[in-house]
Amino acid sequence: MNSETDLEIRAGRVKLLLMDVDGVLTSGHLYNVPDANGNMVETKGFDSQDGIALQWLSWYGVRTGVISGRNSPATAERARQCKMTYVYQGHIEKIPILEEILADAKVGSREVAYVGDDMTDIVVMNRVGFAVATQNAREEVKAKAHYVTRAAGGSGAVREVIELILKARGHWPELLKKYEAASD
C-alpha cells in the first residue's frame, strides 16, 4: 500500500479506468438460469452504485472499459448501460488487449487505473499507474496493488475507486453540489 499523497497523485492522473468483470464488477458468482426454450443461460449481478459512478466518469472525460476472460451477454449489456468505451471479453491473455486499448485511447500507461481480483489481472496491474485490488482479491493480487478497496467486488468496490479518482481530480465537490449533498 502507498501513502495517501501517492494515491491522490496516482488517482488524479487517471484518464482511463479498466477493470476485470467477475470478482470486480460482480461478486464472482455466476448464475445459470433457463431461458424461454429451456436452454441454460448465464447471468450475473452488478452493483447499481458502481453503475452510476461509471457514468459520472464519462461526464468528466474519463473513459472506462472491461477486459474479461469470460464471454457474457450480461457483461456486454452492463457495459452498454454504463457507457463503457472498451469491452473485451474472452481474453485471459490481457496484455495484447491493454496495448490495443492504450494505442486507441492515446493515453500513457501511467494514466490508466486497473481494478482486478485474480492472477490474470496482475500482469495488467504491473503496467498501469494506478493498480487496484478488490477486498475479495487473491492475496497475490493485493500484494501488487497500489490500493486495496474496503468493499468487495460486486458490492461497491468500483464505486470506491471512482470516488477516489473524482476526489483526486477535484470533481467530487461539484457532484455533491449537483445532488444537493454538499454541506454548507
Protein backbone atom coordinates (compact mmCIF):
# COMPACT_ATOMS: atom_id res chain seq x y z
CA MET A 1 0.00 0.00 0.00
CA ASN A 2 1.09 3.56 -0.63
CA SER A 3 0.79 6.85 1.20
CA GLU A 4 -2.36 8.93 0.86
CA THR A 5 -0.47 11.55 -1.16
CA ASP A 6 0.85 8.90 -3.57
CA LEU A 7 -2.68 7.54 -4.03
CA GLU A 8 -4.04 11.04 -4.74
CA ILE A 9 -1.33 11.60 -7.37
CA ARG A 10 -1.99 8.22 -8.99
CA ALA A 11 -5.78 8.66 -8.94
CA GLY A 12 -5.53 12.28 -10.09
CA ARG A 13 -3.83 11.44 -13.37
CA VAL A 14 -6.31 8.69 -14.36
CA LYS A 15 -7.82 9.23 -17.82
CA LEU A 16 -8.88 5.61 -18.35
CA LEU A 17 -10.33 3.12 -15.87
CA LEU A 18 -10.14 -0.53 -16.92
CA MET A 19 -11.49 -3.45 -14.95
CA ASP A 20 -11.90 -7.17 -14.85
CA VAL A 21 -15.55 -8.23 -14.52
CA ASP A 22 -16.11 -11.32 -12.38
CA GLY A 23 -15.00 -10.55 -8.84
CA VAL A 24 -14.70 -6.81 -9.59
CA LEU A 25 -17.97 -5.56 -11.13
CA THR A 26 -19.68 -8.68 -9.75
CA SER A 27 -19.22 -10.87 -6.70
CA GLY A 28 -17.77 -13.51 -8.97
CA HIS A 29 -20.83 -15.73 -8.69
CA LEU A 30 -22.22 -16.97 -11.99
CA TYR A 31 -25.89 -17.92 -12.21
CA ASN A 32 -27.21 -20.35 -14.80
CA VAL A 33 -30.94 -19.95 -15.43
CA PRO A 34 -33.22 -21.38 -18.11
CA ASP A 35 -34.37 -19.17 -20.98
CA ALA A 36 -37.82 -19.41 -22.59
CA ASN A 37 -36.75 -22.52 -24.54
CA GLY A 38 -35.27 -24.28 -21.52
CA ASN A 39 -31.66 -23.60 -22.55
CA MET A 40 -29.33 -22.60 -19.76
CA VAL A 41 -28.01 -19.05 -19.91
CA GLU A 42 -25.58 -17.30 -17.61
CA THR A 43 -26.34 -14.12 -15.72
CA LYS A 44 -24.61 -12.04 -13.09
CA GLY A 45 -25.45 -9.40 -10.51
CA PHE A 46 -23.98 -5.90 -10.81
CA ASP A 47 -23.92 -3.14 -8.19
CA SER A 48 -26.13 -0.17 -9.07
CA GLN A 49 -23.85 2.32 -7.30
CA ASP A 50 -20.90 1.13 -9.40
CA GLY A 51 -23.05 1.81 -12.46
CA ILE A 52 -23.93 5.41 -11.72
CA ALA A 53 -20.32 6.17 -10.76
CA LEU A 54 -19.11 4.76 -14.09
CA GLN A 55 -21.44 7.20 -15.83
CA TRP A 56 -20.07 10.07 -13.74
CA LEU A 57 -16.59 9.34 -15.04
CA SER A 58 -17.84 9.78 -18.60
CA TRP A 59 -19.09 13.28 -17.66
CA TYR A 60 -15.52 14.24 -16.80
CA GLY A 61 -13.85 12.69 -19.83
CA VAL A 62 -12.52 9.58 -18.08
CA ARG A 63 -13.13 6.58 -20.33
CA THR A 64 -13.89 3.14 -18.95
CA GLY A 65 -13.71 -0.44 -20.09
CA VAL A 66 -13.51 -4.10 -19.20
CA ILE A 67 -11.13 -6.89 -20.10
CA SER A 68 -12.68 -10.20 -19.12
CA GLY A 69 -11.67 -13.80 -19.59
CA ARG A 70 -15.31 -14.83 -19.97
CA ASN A 71 -17.83 -14.08 -22.71
CA SER A 72 -21.16 -12.94 -21.33
CA PRO A 73 -24.14 -11.10 -22.82
CA ALA A 74 -24.80 -9.74 -19.31
CA THR A 75 -21.38 -8.08 -19.31
CA ALA A 76 -21.97 -6.57 -22.76
CA GLU A 77 -25.31 -5.15 -21.64
CA ARG A 78 -23.88 -3.76 -18.40
CA ALA A 79 -21.04 -2.11 -20.34
CA ARG A 80 -23.60 -0.52 -22.68
CA GLN A 81 -25.70 0.73 -19.76
CA CYS A 82 -22.64 2.24 -18.08
CA LYS A 83 -21.39 3.87 -21.30
CA MET A 84 -18.08 1.99 -21.34
CA THR A 85 -15.77 2.74 -24.23
CA TYR A 86 -13.89 -0.57 -24.26
CA VAL A 87 -15.43 -4.04 -23.93
CA TYR A 88 -13.15 -7.00 -24.46
CA GLN A 89 -14.42 -10.45 -23.50
CA GLY A 90 -12.94 -13.92 -23.80
CA HIS A 91 -9.38 -12.76 -23.17
CA ILE A 92 -7.35 -14.29 -20.33
CA GLU A 93 -4.18 -13.01 -22.02
CA LYS A 94 -4.76 -9.35 -21.24
CA ILE A 95 -1.51 -7.62 -22.26
CA PRO A 96 -2.24 -7.52 -26.02
CA ILE A 97 -5.68 -6.07 -25.23
CA LEU A 98 -4.19 -3.47 -22.89
CA GLU A 99 -1.71 -2.43 -25.58
CA GLU A 100 -4.52 -2.14 -28.15
CA ILE A 101 -6.61 -0.01 -25.78
CA LEU A 102 -3.68 2.27 -24.89
CA ALA A 103 -2.97 2.87 -28.57
CA ASP A 104 -6.62 3.62 -29.34
CA ALA A 105 -7.15 5.82 -26.26
CA LYS A 106 -3.88 7.66 -26.84
CA VAL A 107 -3.04 7.62 -23.14
CA GLY A 108 0.10 6.55 -21.35
CA SER A 109 0.07 3.58 -19.02
CA ARG A 110 0.63 5.94 -16.05
CA GLU A 111 -2.77 7.50 -16.85
CA VAL A 112 -4.58 4.17 -16.51
CA ALA A 113 -6.20 2.62 -13.46
CA TYR A 114 -6.95 -1.09 -13.46
CA VAL A 115 -9.10 -2.98 -10.95
CA GLY A 116 -8.59 -6.72 -10.61
CA ASP A 117 -9.07 -9.65 -8.28
CA ASP A 118 -7.32 -12.71 -9.72
CA MET A 119 -3.99 -13.88 -11.10
CA THR A 120 -4.73 -12.94 -14.72
CA ASP A 121 -5.05 -9.32 -13.61
CA ILE A 122 -1.56 -8.97 -12.12
CA VAL A 123 0.14 -8.58 -15.50
CA VAL A 124 -2.06 -5.56 -16.27
CA MET A 125 -1.69 -4.15 -12.77
CA ASN A 126 2.10 -4.25 -13.17
CA ARG A 127 1.81 -1.99 -16.24
CA VAL A 128 -0.55 0.79 -15.13
CA GLY A 129 -0.19 3.89 -13.00
CA PHE A 130 -2.92 3.02 -10.50
CA ALA A 131 -3.33 -0.69 -9.74
CA VAL A 132 -6.28 -1.61 -7.54
CA ALA A 133 -7.29 -4.92 -5.97
CA THR A 134 -10.76 -5.56 -4.61
CA GLN A 135 -11.18 -6.61 -0.99
CA ASN A 136 -12.05 -10.15 -2.16
CA ALA A 137 -8.97 -10.42 -4.40
CA ARG A 138 -6.38 -13.15 -4.09
CA GLU A 139 -3.54 -12.25 -1.73
CA GLU A 140 -1.07 -12.29 -4.65
CA VAL A 141 -3.16 -9.61 -6.37
CA LYS A 142 -3.42 -7.47 -3.25
CA ALA A 143 0.36 -7.60 -2.91
CA LYS A 144 0.74 -5.95 -6.35
CA ALA A 145 -1.87 -3.23 -5.77
CA HIS A 146 -1.31 0.43 -5.02
CA TYR A 147 -4.71 0.34 -3.30
CA VAL A 148 -6.98 -2.40 -1.93
CA THR A 149 -10.65 -1.48 -1.69
CA ARG A 150 -12.59 -1.82 1.52
CA ALA A 151 -15.57 -3.09 -0.48
CA ALA A 152 -15.70 -6.44 -2.22
CA GLY A 153 -16.24 -6.82 -5.94
CA GLY A 154 -19.91 -6.51 -6.83
CA SER A 155 -20.52 -4.62 -3.59
CA GLY A 156 -19.28 -1.13 -4.39
CA ALA A 157 -15.55 -1.69 -4.95
CA VAL A 158 -15.66 0.08 -8.32
CA ARG A 159 -17.66 2.97 -6.82
CA GLU A 160 -14.97 3.31 -4.15
CA VAL A 161 -12.25 3.56 -6.80
CA ILE A 162 -14.24 6.06 -8.84
CA GLU A 163 -14.80 8.26 -5.80
CA LEU A 164 -11.03 8.27 -5.21
CA ILE A 165 -10.47 9.31 -8.83
CA LEU A 166 -13.15 12.02 -8.79
CA LYS A 167 -11.88 13.43 -5.49
CA ALA A 168 -8.27 13.45 -6.69
CA ARG A 169 -9.30 15.18 -9.92
CA GLY A 170 -11.28 17.81 -7.96
CA HIS A 171 -14.74 16.84 -9.24
CA TRP A 172 -16.25 15.47 -6.03
CA PRO A 173 -17.47 18.83 -4.59
CA GLU A 174 -19.28 19.53 -7.89
CA LEU A 175 -21.06 16.17 -7.73
CA LEU A 176 -22.06 16.73 -4.12
CA LYS A 177 -23.46 20.12 -5.07
CA LYS A 178 -25.29 18.70 -8.10
CA TYR A 179 -27.09 16.16 -5.94
CA GLU A 180 -27.62 18.65 -3.08
CA ALA A 181 -25.46 16.54 -0.78
CA ALA A 182 -22.86 19.20 -0.03
CA SER A 183 -22.82 20.63 3.48
CA ASP A 184 -22.77 24.37 3.56
